Amino acid sequence: KLKNMDAQRRNEIRSGSNKGLVLRNTQMILWDLNQESGFGQELWNSPKSWNPGEPPIEETKLLELIDDTEIKLRNMIVGKLKLNYGNNWYKEGLNSNIKGYITNVIEQEISKFPYKKEEFDSLSDEEKLKFSATSNLKDVIIDGRNWKLFEDVFNKWQECVKVQFGFFENYRNKYKHPERKDKLDEVERGLGFFGMGWIRRCLKLNPKKVS
């Protein structure tokens, strides 16, 4: 299988030496082998094993899961940062790149809806965080100043946070933009849904249902 891969894919696998990347490569290779040869079918069908397939859930329900995951993530992040930084959580807990991203998104919204400028200018810090990207949330969590606040939530698996958030972000972005959704292949769907489920389990949420 490795011999038949294109050079870029092969190099990605070769470069994966940390725990998170090894997990990603192992998952993707095993899923590919299962799809092509049925290898390990009994493991994939076990209720105790990791199943990378996207379950037959209505798209509206998937979008609800995606939105709920992001809402719960933001709520958890705000709660942890407030406990540590108090009322200065936004200023001290978010690095300049994240705050710059949020400011840029808000400015773009103001340029599209100038009559809402006063409304945007009066946003609370919690409301500003709603304009962050999924990758921003991941960066807040793994930031060296903040990781101690979140490591117990994510079982001290910082590298896995990076990988699973990557799967979820790709999945989320394509589902939230209908023109991109059809570009998700089966592996991306399975890994994306699993990444979302992994995050939800860390947050003590049902991985397949909004409750």
N, C-alpha and C. Protein backbone atom coordinates (compact mmCIF):
# COMPACT_ATOMS: atom_id res chain seq x y z
N LYS A 1 0.83 -1.21 0.00
CA LYS A 1 0.00 0.00 0.00
C LYS A 1 0.86 1.25 0.00
N LEU A 2 1.93 1.23 0.80
CA LEU A 2 2.82 2.39 0.87
C LEU A 2 3.49 2.65 -0.48
N LYS A 3 3.88 1.58 -1.18
CA LYS A 3 4.53 1.73 -2.48
C LYS A 3 3.63 2.42 -3.49
N ASN A 4 2.32 2.18 -3.37
CA ASN A 4 1.38 2.73 -4.34
C ASN A 4 0.87 4.12 -3.98
N MET A 5 1.26 4.63 -2.81
CA MET A 5 0.82 5.96 -2.40
C MET A 5 1.59 7.03 -3.18
N ASP A 6 0.96 8.20 -3.35
CA ASP A 6 1.70 9.30 -3.96
C ASP A 6 2.72 9.81 -2.94
N ALA A 7 3.73 10.50 -3.44
CA ALA A 7 4.87 10.91 -2.61
C ALA A 7 4.44 11.80 -1.44
N GLN A 8 3.48 12.69 -1.67
CA GLN A 8 3.06 13.61 -0.61
C GLN A 8 2.44 12.84 0.56
N ARG A 9 1.55 11.88 0.24
CA ARG A 9 0.90 11.10 1.30
C ARG A 9 1.93 10.26 2.06
N ARG A 10 2.87 9.69 1.32
CA ARG A 10 3.89 8.86 1.95
C ARG A 10 4.77 9.69 2.88
N ASN A 11 5.11 10.89 2.46
CA ASN A 11 5.94 11.77 3.29
C ASN A 11 5.20 12.21 4.55
N GLU A 12 3.87 12.41 4.44
CA GLU A 12 3.09 12.78 5.60
C GLU A 12 3.15 11.68 6.66
N ILE A 13 3.08 10.44 6.21
CA ILE A 13 3.13 9.31 7.13
C ILE A 13 4.52 9.18 7.74
N ARG A 14 5.54 9.36 6.93
CA ARG A 14 6.91 9.25 7.44
C ARG A 14 7.22 10.31 8.48
N SER A 15 6.62 11.49 8.33
CA SER A 15 6.94 12.60 9.24
C SER A 15 6.18 12.52 10.55
N GLY A 16 5.23 11.58 10.65
CA GLY A 16 4.41 11.49 11.85
C GLY A 16 5.09 10.75 12.97
N SER A 17 5.82 11.47 13.82
CA SER A 17 6.57 10.79 14.88
C SER A 17 5.99 11.04 16.27
N ASN A 18 5.20 12.12 16.46
CA ASN A 18 4.67 12.34 17.81
C ASN A 18 3.40 11.52 18.00
N LYS A 19 2.93 11.48 19.22
CA LYS A 19 1.80 10.60 19.58
C LYS A 19 0.55 10.89 18.76
N GLY A 20 0.23 12.19 18.61
CA GLY A 20 -0.98 12.54 17.88
C GLY A 20 -0.93 12.15 16.42
N LEU A 21 0.21 12.39 15.77
CA LEU A 21 0.33 12.06 14.35
C LEU A 21 0.37 10.56 14.13
N VAL A 22 1.00 9.83 15.04
CA VAL A 22 1.01 8.37 14.94
C VAL A 22 -0.43 7.85 15.03
N LEU A 23 -1.20 8.43 15.94
CA LEU A 23 -2.61 8.04 16.06
C LEU A 23 -3.36 8.31 14.76
N ARG A 24 -3.15 9.49 14.20
CA ARG A 24 -3.84 9.84 12.95
C ARG A 24 -3.46 8.89 11.84
N ASN A 25 -2.16 8.65 11.66
CA ASN A 25 -1.71 7.77 10.58
C ASN A 25 -2.22 6.35 10.76
N THR A 26 -2.19 5.87 11.99
CA THR A 26 -2.67 4.51 12.26
C THR A 26 -4.15 4.39 11.93
N GLN A 27 -4.93 5.37 12.37
CA GLN A 27 -6.37 5.36 12.09
C GLN A 27 -6.64 5.36 10.58
N MET A 28 -5.97 6.24 9.86
CA MET A 28 -6.25 6.37 8.43
C MET A 28 -5.80 5.14 7.65
N ILE A 29 -4.66 4.58 8.01
CA ILE A 29 -4.18 3.40 7.30
C ILE A 29 -5.08 2.20 7.58
N LEU A 30 -5.45 2.00 8.84
CA LEU A 30 -6.33 0.88 9.17
C LEU A 30 -7.69 1.03 8.49
N TRP A 31 -8.19 2.25 8.42
CA TRP A 31 -9.48 2.46 7.76
C TRP A 31 -9.35 2.15 6.26
N ASP A 32 -8.27 2.61 5.63
CA ASP A 32 -8.07 2.32 4.21
C ASP A 32 -7.99 0.82 3.97
N LEU A 33 -7.22 0.12 4.81
CA LEU A 33 -7.07 -1.32 4.65
C LEU A 33 -8.41 -2.03 4.84
N ASN A 34 -9.18 -1.58 5.79
CA ASN A 34 -10.48 -2.19 6.03
C ASN A 34 -11.39 -2.01 4.83
N GLN A 35 -11.38 -0.82 4.24
CA GLN A 35 -12.24 -0.56 3.10
C GLN A 35 -11.84 -1.35 1.88
N GLU A 36 -10.55 -1.57 1.71
CA GLU A 36 -10.06 -2.23 0.51
C GLU A 36 -10.02 -3.75 0.63
N SER A 37 -9.83 -4.27 1.85
CA SER A 37 -9.63 -5.71 1.98
C SER A 37 -10.52 -6.37 3.03
N GLY A 38 -11.24 -5.55 3.82
CA GLY A 38 -12.03 -6.11 4.90
C GLY A 38 -11.20 -6.48 6.10
N PHE A 39 -9.92 -6.09 6.10
CA PHE A 39 -9.01 -6.43 7.19
C PHE A 39 -9.54 -5.91 8.53
N GLY A 40 -9.58 -6.78 9.52
CA GLY A 40 -9.97 -6.38 10.86
C GLY A 40 -11.45 -6.03 11.00
N GLN A 41 -12.29 -6.62 10.13
CA GLN A 41 -13.70 -6.27 10.16
C GLN A 41 -14.33 -6.52 11.54
N GLU A 42 -13.88 -7.59 12.21
CA GLU A 42 -14.46 -7.91 13.51
C GLU A 42 -14.15 -6.83 14.54
N LEU A 43 -13.02 -6.11 14.35
CA LEU A 43 -12.66 -5.05 15.28
C LEU A 43 -13.53 -3.82 15.05
N TRP A 44 -13.76 -3.50 13.78
CA TRP A 44 -14.56 -2.32 13.46
C TRP A 44 -16.00 -2.49 13.92
N ASN A 45 -16.50 -3.73 13.90
CA ASN A 45 -17.90 -3.96 14.25
C ASN A 45 -18.13 -4.09 15.75
N SER A 46 -17.07 -4.19 16.52
CA SER A 46 -17.21 -4.34 17.96
C SER A 46 -17.70 -3.02 18.57
N PRO A 47 -18.69 -3.06 19.45
CA PRO A 47 -19.18 -1.82 20.08
C PRO A 47 -18.13 -1.17 20.97
N LYS A 48 -17.09 -1.93 21.33
CA LYS A 48 -16.05 -1.38 22.20
C LYS A 48 -14.89 -0.78 21.40
N SER A 49 -14.94 -0.92 20.09
CA SER A 49 -13.81 -0.45 19.29
C SER A 49 -14.11 0.92 18.68
N TRP A 50 -13.07 1.52 18.13
CA TRP A 50 -13.23 2.78 17.42
C TRP A 50 -13.82 2.50 16.05
N ASN A 51 -14.92 3.14 15.72
CA ASN A 51 -15.57 2.97 14.42
C ASN A 51 -15.47 4.28 13.65
N PRO A 52 -14.66 4.34 12.60
CA PRO A 52 -14.45 5.61 11.90
C PRO A 52 -15.55 5.98 10.93
N GLY A 53 -16.53 5.11 10.74
CA GLY A 53 -17.58 5.43 9.79
C GLY A 53 -18.53 6.50 10.31
N GLU A 54 -19.04 7.31 9.40
CA GLU A 54 -20.05 8.30 9.77
C GLU A 54 -21.39 7.59 9.87
N PRO A 55 -22.05 7.62 11.02
CA PRO A 55 -23.32 6.90 11.18
C PRO A 55 -24.43 7.54 10.36
N PRO A 56 -25.50 6.79 10.10
CA PRO A 56 -26.61 7.33 9.30
C PRO A 56 -27.45 8.32 10.09
N ILE A 57 -26.96 9.53 10.25
CA ILE A 57 -27.66 10.58 10.97
C ILE A 57 -28.07 11.66 9.98
N GLU A 58 -29.29 12.17 10.10
CA GLU A 58 -29.76 13.22 9.20
C GLU A 58 -28.80 14.42 9.24
N GLU A 59 -28.65 15.07 8.08
CA GLU A 59 -27.71 16.19 8.00
C GLU A 59 -28.08 17.30 8.98
N THR A 60 -29.38 17.55 9.16
CA THR A 60 -29.77 18.59 10.12
C THR A 60 -29.31 18.24 11.53
N LYS A 61 -29.35 16.95 11.87
CA LYS A 61 -28.89 16.51 13.19
C LYS A 61 -27.38 16.63 13.31
N LEU A 62 -26.66 16.35 12.21
CA LEU A 62 -25.21 16.50 12.22
C LEU A 62 -24.84 17.97 12.44
N LEU A 63 -25.55 18.87 11.76
CA LEU A 63 -25.27 20.29 11.93
C LEU A 63 -25.56 20.73 13.36
N GLU A 64 -26.61 20.17 13.97
CA GLU A 64 -26.91 20.47 15.37
C GLU A 64 -25.77 19.99 16.27
N LEU A 65 -25.24 18.80 15.98
CA LEU A 65 -24.12 18.26 16.77
C LEU A 65 -22.89 19.17 16.64
N ILE A 66 -22.61 19.59 15.41
CA ILE A 66 -21.45 20.45 15.17
C ILE A 66 -21.60 21.76 15.95
N ASP A 67 -22.78 22.40 15.83
CA ASP A 67 -23.02 23.67 16.53
C ASP A 67 -22.96 23.48 18.05
N ASP A 68 -23.56 22.41 18.53
CA ASP A 68 -23.58 22.16 19.97
C ASP A 68 -22.17 21.92 20.50
N THR A 69 -21.35 21.21 19.72
CA THR A 69 -19.97 20.95 20.13
C THR A 69 -19.20 22.25 20.28
N GLU A 70 -19.35 23.16 19.32
CA GLU A 70 -18.64 24.43 19.39
C GLU A 70 -19.15 25.29 20.54
N ILE A 71 -20.46 25.31 20.76
CA ILE A 71 -21.03 26.10 21.86
C ILE A 71 -20.50 25.60 23.20
N LYS A 72 -20.54 24.27 23.38
CA LYS A 72 -20.08 23.70 24.65
C LYS A 72 -18.58 23.90 24.84
N LEU A 73 -17.82 23.83 23.76
CA LEU A 73 -16.38 24.09 23.84
C LEU A 73 -16.11 25.51 24.30
N ARG A 74 -16.81 26.46 23.69
CA ARG A 74 -16.60 27.87 24.05
C ARG A 74 -17.00 28.11 25.51
N ASN A 75 -18.12 27.54 25.92
CA ASN A 75 -18.56 27.72 27.31
C ASN A 75 -17.53 27.16 28.28
N MET A 76 -17.00 25.97 27.96
CA MET A 76 -16.00 25.36 28.83
C MET A 76 -14.74 26.22 28.88
N ILE A 77 -14.30 26.71 27.73
CA ILE A 77 -13.09 27.52 27.66
C ILE A 77 -13.25 28.80 28.47
N VAL A 78 -14.38 29.49 28.30
CA VAL A 78 -14.62 30.72 29.05
C VAL A 78 -14.62 30.45 30.55
N GLY A 79 -15.28 29.37 30.96
CA GLY A 79 -15.33 29.02 32.37
C GLY A 79 -13.95 28.79 32.97
N LYS A 80 -13.11 28.02 32.25
CA LYS A 80 -11.76 27.73 32.75
C LYS A 80 -10.90 28.99 32.79
N LEU A 81 -10.98 29.81 31.73
CA LEU A 81 -10.16 31.02 31.69
C LEU A 81 -10.58 32.01 32.77
N LYS A 82 -11.88 32.13 33.01
CA LYS A 82 -12.36 33.06 34.05
C LYS A 82 -11.87 32.64 35.43
N LEU A 83 -11.86 31.33 35.69
CA LEU A 83 -11.38 30.85 36.98
C LEU A 83 -9.92 31.22 37.21
N ASN A 84 -9.15 31.23 36.12
CA ASN A 84 -7.72 31.48 36.24
C ASN A 84 -7.36 32.96 36.12
N TYR A 85 -8.01 33.67 35.17
CA TYR A 85 -7.63 35.05 34.89
C TYR A 85 -8.64 36.08 35.38
N GLY A 86 -9.79 35.62 35.87
CA GLY A 86 -10.82 36.56 36.31
C GLY A 86 -11.42 37.32 35.14
N ASN A 87 -11.75 38.59 35.37
CA ASN A 87 -12.40 39.40 34.32
C ASN A 87 -11.47 39.72 33.16
N ASN A 88 -10.17 39.48 33.34
CA ASN A 88 -9.21 39.74 32.25
C ASN A 88 -8.97 38.50 31.38
N TRP A 89 -9.88 37.52 31.45
CA TRP A 89 -9.66 36.25 30.76
C TRP A 89 -9.46 36.42 29.27
N TYR A 90 -10.18 37.34 28.64
CA TYR A 90 -10.07 37.52 27.19
C TYR A 90 -8.71 38.10 26.83
N LYS A 91 -8.30 39.10 27.57
CA LYS A 91 -7.03 39.78 27.30
C LYS A 91 -5.84 38.88 27.59
N GLU A 92 -5.89 38.15 28.72
CA GLU A 92 -4.73 37.37 29.15
C GLU A 92 -4.74 35.92 28.67
N GLY A 93 -5.91 35.38 28.41
CA GLY A 93 -6.00 33.97 28.03
C GLY A 93 -5.91 33.69 26.56
N LEU A 94 -6.12 34.72 25.73
CA LEU A 94 -6.06 34.56 24.28
C LEU A 94 -4.81 35.26 23.75
N ASN A 95 -4.06 34.58 22.90
CA ASN A 95 -2.86 35.23 22.35
C ASN A 95 -3.24 36.25 21.29
N SER A 96 -2.27 37.03 20.86
CA SER A 96 -2.54 38.15 19.94
C SER A 96 -3.07 37.68 18.58
N ASN A 97 -2.62 36.50 18.13
CA ASN A 97 -3.09 35.99 16.83
C ASN A 97 -4.58 35.68 16.88
N ILE A 98 -5.03 35.08 17.96
CA ILE A 98 -6.44 34.73 18.10
C ILE A 98 -7.28 36.00 18.20
N LYS A 99 -6.85 36.93 19.03
CA LYS A 99 -7.60 38.18 19.18
C LYS A 99 -7.61 38.96 17.86
N GLY A 100 -6.51 38.90 17.13
CA GLY A 100 -6.45 39.56 15.84
C GLY A 100 -7.41 38.94 14.84
N TYR A 101 -7.50 37.61 14.86
CA TYR A 101 -8.43 36.90 13.97
C TYR A 101 -9.86 37.33 14.27
N ILE A 102 -10.22 37.34 15.55
CA ILE A 102 -11.58 37.71 15.95
C ILE A 102 -11.89 39.15 15.55
N THR A 103 -10.95 40.05 15.81
CA THR A 103 -11.15 41.46 15.44
C THR A 103 -11.36 41.61 13.95
N ASN A 104 -10.58 40.87 13.15
CA ASN A 104 -10.69 40.94 11.71
C ASN A 104 -12.06 40.45 11.22
N VAL A 105 -12.55 39.36 11.81
CA VAL A 105 -13.86 38.83 11.43
C VAL A 105 -14.95 39.84 11.76
N ILE A 106 -14.87 40.45 12.94
CA ILE A 106 -15.87 41.43 13.34
C ILE A 106 -15.84 42.65 12.42
N GLU A 107 -14.64 43.09 12.05
CA GLU A 107 -14.51 44.23 11.13
C GLU A 107 -15.11 43.91 9.77
N GLN A 108 -14.95 42.67 9.32
CA GLN A 108 -15.56 42.26 8.06
C GLN A 108 -17.09 42.29 8.15
N GLU A 109 -17.61 41.87 9.31
CA GLU A 109 -19.06 41.91 9.51
C GLU A 109 -19.56 43.36 9.51
N ILE A 110 -18.80 44.25 10.13
CA ILE A 110 -19.20 45.66 10.16
C ILE A 110 -19.19 46.24 8.75
N SER A 111 -18.21 45.85 7.93
CA SER A 111 -18.15 46.37 6.56
C SER A 111 -19.33 45.89 5.73
N LYS A 112 -19.84 44.70 6.05
CA LYS A 112 -21.01 44.17 5.32
C LYS A 112 -22.31 44.75 5.87
N PHE A 113 -22.32 45.02 7.17
CA PHE A 113 -23.54 45.53 7.81
C PHE A 113 -23.18 46.77 8.64
N PRO A 114 -22.86 47.88 7.99
CA PRO A 114 -22.41 49.08 8.73
C PRO A 114 -23.43 49.61 9.72
N TYR A 115 -24.71 49.36 9.48
CA TYR A 115 -25.74 49.83 10.40
C TYR A 115 -25.70 49.08 11.74
N LYS A 116 -24.91 47.98 11.79
CA LYS A 116 -24.79 47.20 13.03
C LYS A 116 -23.50 47.54 13.80
N LYS A 117 -22.80 48.59 13.38
CA LYS A 117 -21.51 48.90 14.00
C LYS A 117 -21.63 49.10 15.51
N GLU A 118 -22.62 49.84 15.95
CA GLU A 118 -22.79 50.09 17.38
C GLU A 118 -23.02 48.78 18.13
N GLU A 119 -23.79 47.88 17.50
CA GLU A 119 -24.06 46.58 18.12
C GLU A 119 -22.78 45.77 18.26
N PHE A 120 -21.96 45.76 17.19
CA PHE A 120 -20.70 45.02 17.24
C PHE A 120 -19.72 45.64 18.22
N ASP A 121 -19.70 46.96 18.29
CA ASP A 121 -18.76 47.65 19.19
C ASP A 121 -19.08 47.38 20.66
N SER A 122 -20.32 47.00 20.94
CA SER A 122 -20.72 46.78 22.34
C SER A 122 -20.71 45.31 22.73
N LEU A 123 -20.13 44.45 21.91
CA LEU A 123 -20.10 43.02 22.22
C LEU A 123 -19.31 42.75 23.49
N SER A 124 -19.81 41.82 24.28
CA SER A 124 -19.05 41.37 25.46
C SER A 124 -17.93 40.45 25.00
N ASP A 125 -17.00 40.16 25.90
CA ASP A 125 -15.91 39.26 25.54
C ASP A 125 -16.44 37.87 25.16
N GLU A 126 -17.46 37.39 25.89
CA GLU A 126 -18.05 36.09 25.55
C GLU A 126 -18.63 36.10 24.15
N GLU A 127 -19.27 37.20 23.78
CA GLU A 127 -19.88 37.31 22.45
C GLU A 127 -18.81 37.41 21.37
N LYS A 128 -17.69 38.06 21.68
CA LYS A 128 -16.59 38.15 20.71
C LYS A 128 -16.02 36.77 20.39
N LEU A 129 -15.96 35.91 21.41
CA LEU A 129 -15.38 34.59 21.20
C LEU A 129 -16.18 33.77 20.20
N LYS A 130 -17.45 34.11 19.99
CA LYS A 130 -18.29 33.40 19.01
C LYS A 130 -17.78 33.59 17.59
N PHE A 131 -16.94 34.60 17.39
CA PHE A 131 -16.39 34.88 16.06
C PHE A 131 -15.05 34.18 15.84
N SER A 132 -14.65 33.34 16.78
CA SER A 132 -13.40 32.59 16.63
C SER A 132 -13.61 31.38 15.74
N ALA A 133 -12.52 30.88 15.18
CA ALA A 133 -12.56 29.65 14.38
C ALA A 133 -12.30 28.45 15.29
N THR A 134 -12.64 27.25 14.79
CA THR A 134 -12.38 26.03 15.57
C THR A 134 -10.90 25.91 15.91
N SER A 135 -10.05 26.28 14.95
CA SER A 135 -8.60 26.20 15.21
C SER A 135 -8.19 27.16 16.32
N ASN A 136 -8.88 28.30 16.44
CA ASN A 136 -8.60 29.24 17.53
C ASN A 136 -8.88 28.60 18.88
N LEU A 137 -9.99 27.86 18.97
CA LEU A 137 -10.34 27.21 20.23
C LEU A 137 -9.27 26.20 20.63
N LYS A 138 -8.80 25.46 19.62
CA LYS A 138 -7.72 24.50 19.88
C LYS A 138 -6.46 25.22 20.36
N ASP A 139 -6.14 26.36 19.75
CA ASP A 139 -4.93 27.09 20.12
C ASP A 139 -5.03 27.66 21.53
N VAL A 140 -6.22 28.08 21.94
CA VAL A 140 -6.40 28.55 23.32
C VAL A 140 -6.09 27.42 24.29
N ILE A 141 -6.61 26.24 23.97
CA ILE A 141 -6.46 25.09 24.87
C ILE A 141 -5.01 24.64 25.02
N ILE A 142 -4.28 24.56 23.90
CA ILE A 142 -2.92 24.01 23.96
C ILE A 142 -1.86 25.07 24.22
N ASP A 143 -2.27 26.34 24.33
CA ASP A 143 -1.33 27.41 24.65
C ASP A 143 -0.57 27.05 25.94
N GLY A 144 0.72 27.27 25.93
CA GLY A 144 1.54 26.91 27.08
C GLY A 144 1.08 27.53 28.38
N ARG A 145 0.47 28.73 28.31
CA ARG A 145 -0.01 29.39 29.52
C ARG A 145 -1.30 28.77 30.03
N ASN A 146 -2.04 28.09 29.12
CA ASN A 146 -3.38 27.61 29.46
C ASN A 146 -3.51 26.11 29.62
N TRP A 147 -2.56 25.35 29.07
CA TRP A 147 -2.76 23.90 29.00
C TRP A 147 -3.06 23.29 30.36
N LYS A 148 -2.44 23.81 31.40
CA LYS A 148 -2.68 23.26 32.75
C LYS A 148 -4.15 23.36 33.14
N LEU A 149 -4.87 24.32 32.55
CA LEU A 149 -6.29 24.50 32.88
C LEU A 149 -7.17 23.45 32.19
N PHE A 150 -6.66 22.91 31.08
CA PHE A 150 -7.48 22.03 30.25
C PHE A 150 -7.00 20.58 30.19
N GLU A 151 -5.81 20.32 30.70
CA GLU A 151 -5.24 18.99 30.49
C GLU A 151 -6.08 17.88 31.09
N ASP A 152 -6.73 18.13 32.21
CA ASP A 152 -7.57 17.09 32.80
C ASP A 152 -8.82 16.82 31.96
N VAL A 153 -9.34 17.86 31.31
CA VAL A 153 -10.51 17.69 30.44
C VAL A 153 -10.18 16.74 29.30
N PHE A 154 -8.97 16.88 28.76
CA PHE A 154 -8.56 16.10 27.59
C PHE A 154 -7.57 14.99 27.94
N ASN A 155 -7.64 14.52 29.19
CA ASN A 155 -6.84 13.36 29.64
C ASN A 155 -5.35 13.53 29.41
N LYS A 156 -4.88 14.77 29.46
CA LYS A 156 -3.46 15.10 29.31
C LYS A 156 -2.90 14.74 27.93
N TRP A 157 -3.77 14.57 26.92
CA TRP A 157 -3.35 14.17 25.56
C TRP A 157 -3.28 15.40 24.65
N GLN A 158 -2.29 16.23 24.85
CA GLN A 158 -2.20 17.46 24.06
C GLN A 158 -2.05 17.17 22.56
N GLU A 159 -1.23 16.17 22.22
CA GLU A 159 -1.04 15.85 20.80
C GLU A 159 -2.34 15.34 20.18
N CYS A 160 -3.12 14.59 20.96
CA CYS A 160 -4.40 14.10 20.44
C CYS A 160 -5.38 15.25 20.26
N VAL A 161 -5.29 16.26 21.12
CA VAL A 161 -6.14 17.44 20.94
C VAL A 161 -5.86 18.05 19.57
N LYS A 162 -4.59 18.19 19.23
CA LYS A 162 -4.23 18.77 17.93
C LYS A 162 -4.82 17.98 16.77
N VAL A 163 -4.68 16.66 16.84
CA VAL A 163 -5.13 15.81 15.74
C VAL A 163 -6.65 15.76 15.65
N GLN A 164 -7.32 15.51 16.78
CA GLN A 164 -8.78 15.37 16.74
C GLN A 164 -9.47 16.69 16.40
N PHE A 165 -8.93 17.80 16.87
CA PHE A 165 -9.49 19.09 16.48
C PHE A 165 -9.28 19.33 14.99
N GLY A 166 -8.17 18.84 14.44
CA GLY A 166 -7.94 18.96 13.00
C GLY A 166 -8.97 18.19 12.21
N PHE A 167 -9.25 16.95 12.61
CA PHE A 167 -10.29 16.16 11.95
C PHE A 167 -11.64 16.88 12.04
N PHE A 168 -11.97 17.37 13.24
CA PHE A 168 -13.26 18.01 13.46
C PHE A 168 -13.37 19.31 12.67
N GLU A 169 -12.30 20.10 12.63
CA GLU A 169 -12.36 21.37 11.91
C GLU A 169 -12.60 21.16 10.42
N ASN A 170 -11.90 20.20 9.83
CA ASN A 170 -12.10 19.90 8.41
C ASN A 170 -13.55 19.48 8.15
N TYR A 171 -14.05 18.62 9.01
CA TYR A 171 -15.43 18.12 8.92
C TYR A 171 -16.42 19.26 9.09
N ARG A 172 -16.21 20.06 10.11
CA ARG A 172 -17.11 21.18 10.42
C ARG A 172 -17.14 22.20 9.30
N ASN A 173 -15.98 22.59 8.80
CA ASN A 173 -15.91 23.64 7.78
C ASN A 173 -16.61 23.22 6.49
N LYS A 174 -16.48 21.95 6.12
CA LYS A 174 -17.11 21.50 4.87
C LYS A 174 -18.61 21.31 5.02
N TYR A 175 -19.04 20.88 6.20
CA TYR A 175 -20.49 20.75 6.42
C TYR A 175 -21.17 22.11 6.54
N LYS A 176 -20.47 23.09 7.11
CA LYS A 176 -21.06 24.41 7.30
C LYS A 176 -21.05 25.23 6.01
N HIS A 177 -20.33 24.76 5.01
CA HIS A 177 -20.30 25.43 3.70
C HIS A 177 -20.74 24.41 2.64
N PRO A 178 -22.03 24.43 2.29
CA PRO A 178 -22.60 23.40 1.40
C PRO A 178 -21.81 23.17 0.12
N GLU A 179 -21.17 24.22 -0.39
CA GLU A 179 -20.42 24.05 -1.65
C GLU A 179 -19.18 23.19 -1.47
N ARG A 180 -18.74 23.00 -0.21
CA ARG A 180 -17.56 22.18 0.05
C ARG A 180 -17.91 20.76 0.51
N LYS A 181 -19.16 20.56 0.95
CA LYS A 181 -19.53 19.31 1.61
C LYS A 181 -19.25 18.09 0.74
N ASP A 182 -19.54 18.19 -0.55
CA ASP A 182 -19.36 17.04 -1.44
C ASP A 182 -17.89 16.67 -1.62
N LYS A 183 -16.99 17.53 -1.17
CA LYS A 183 -15.56 17.24 -1.29
C LYS A 183 -15.03 16.40 -0.13
N LEU A 184 -15.90 16.11 0.85
CA LEU A 184 -15.50 15.23 1.95
C LEU A 184 -15.52 13.80 1.46
N ASP A 185 -14.40 13.09 1.53
CA ASP A 185 -14.43 11.68 1.15
C ASP A 185 -14.82 10.85 2.37
N GLU A 186 -14.97 9.56 2.17
CA GLU A 186 -15.50 8.70 3.22
C GLU A 186 -14.60 8.67 4.45
N VAL A 187 -13.29 8.68 4.21
CA VAL A 187 -12.35 8.67 5.34
C VAL A 187 -12.47 9.97 6.13
N GLU A 188 -12.55 11.11 5.44
CA GLU A 188 -12.68 12.39 6.13
C GLU A 188 -13.98 12.47 6.93
N ARG A 189 -15.05 11.90 6.36
CA ARG A 189 -16.33 11.89 7.08
C ARG A 189 -16.21 11.07 8.37
N GLY A 190 -15.61 9.87 8.23
CA GLY A 190 -15.48 9.01 9.39
C GLY A 190 -14.59 9.60 10.46
N LEU A 191 -13.41 10.08 10.05
CA LEU A 191 -12.48 10.65 11.01
C LEU A 191 -13.01 11.96 11.59
N GLY A 192 -13.71 12.74 10.76
CA GLY A 192 -14.29 13.99 11.25
C GLY A 192 -15.36 13.75 12.30
N PHE A 193 -16.22 12.77 12.03
CA PHE A 193 -17.27 12.46 13.00
C PHE A 193 -16.65 11.90 14.28
N PHE A 194 -15.62 11.05 14.11
CA PHE A 194 -14.94 10.51 15.29
C PHE A 194 -14.26 11.61 16.08
N GLY A 195 -13.60 12.55 15.38
CA GLY A 195 -12.94 13.65 16.08
C GLY A 195 -13.93 14.46 16.89
N MET A 196 -15.11 14.73 16.30
CA MET A 196 -16.14 15.45 17.03
C MET A 196 -16.61 14.64 18.24
N GLY A 197 -16.79 13.33 18.04
CA GLY A 197 -17.21 12.47 19.15
C GLY A 197 -16.18 12.42 20.26
N TRP A 198 -14.89 12.40 19.89
CA TRP A 198 -13.81 12.38 20.89
C TRP A 198 -13.87 13.65 21.74
N ILE A 199 -14.05 14.79 21.08
CA ILE A 199 -14.15 16.06 21.80
C ILE A 199 -15.37 16.05 22.72
N ARG A 200 -16.49 15.56 22.21
CA ARG A 200 -17.71 15.54 23.00
C ARG A 200 -17.57 14.62 24.23
N ARG A 201 -16.91 13.49 24.04
CA ARG A 201 -16.71 12.59 25.19
C ARG A 201 -15.83 13.25 26.24
N CYS A 202 -14.81 14.00 25.80
CA CYS A 202 -13.96 14.72 26.76
C CYS A 202 -14.78 15.75 27.54
N LEU A 203 -15.80 16.31 26.88
CA LEU A 203 -16.66 17.31 27.53
C LEU A 203 -17.82 16.67 28.28
N LYS A 204 -17.81 15.32 28.38
CA LYS A 204 -18.86 14.57 29.07
C LYS A 204 -20.21 14.72 28.36
N LEU A 205 -20.17 14.75 27.02
CA LEU A 205 -21.38 14.88 26.21
C LEU A 205 -21.62 13.59 25.44
N ASN A 206 -22.87 13.35 25.08
CA ASN A 206 -23.20 12.22 24.21
C ASN A 206 -22.54 12.46 22.86
N PRO A 207 -21.72 11.53 22.34
CA PRO A 207 -21.02 11.78 21.08
C PRO A 207 -21.92 11.78 19.85
N LYS A 208 -23.14 11.23 19.97
CA LYS A 208 -24.00 11.11 18.80
C LYS A 208 -25.33 11.84 18.91
N LYS A 209 -25.53 12.55 20.03
CA LYS A 209 -26.84 13.18 20.21
C LYS A 209 -26.72 14.43 21.08
N VAL A 210 -27.42 15.48 20.67
CA VAL A 210 -27.48 16.71 21.47
C VAL A 210 -28.45 16.46 22.61
N SER A 211 -27.99 16.69 23.83
CA SER A 211 -28.87 16.46 24.98
C SER A 211 -29.04 17.73 25.80
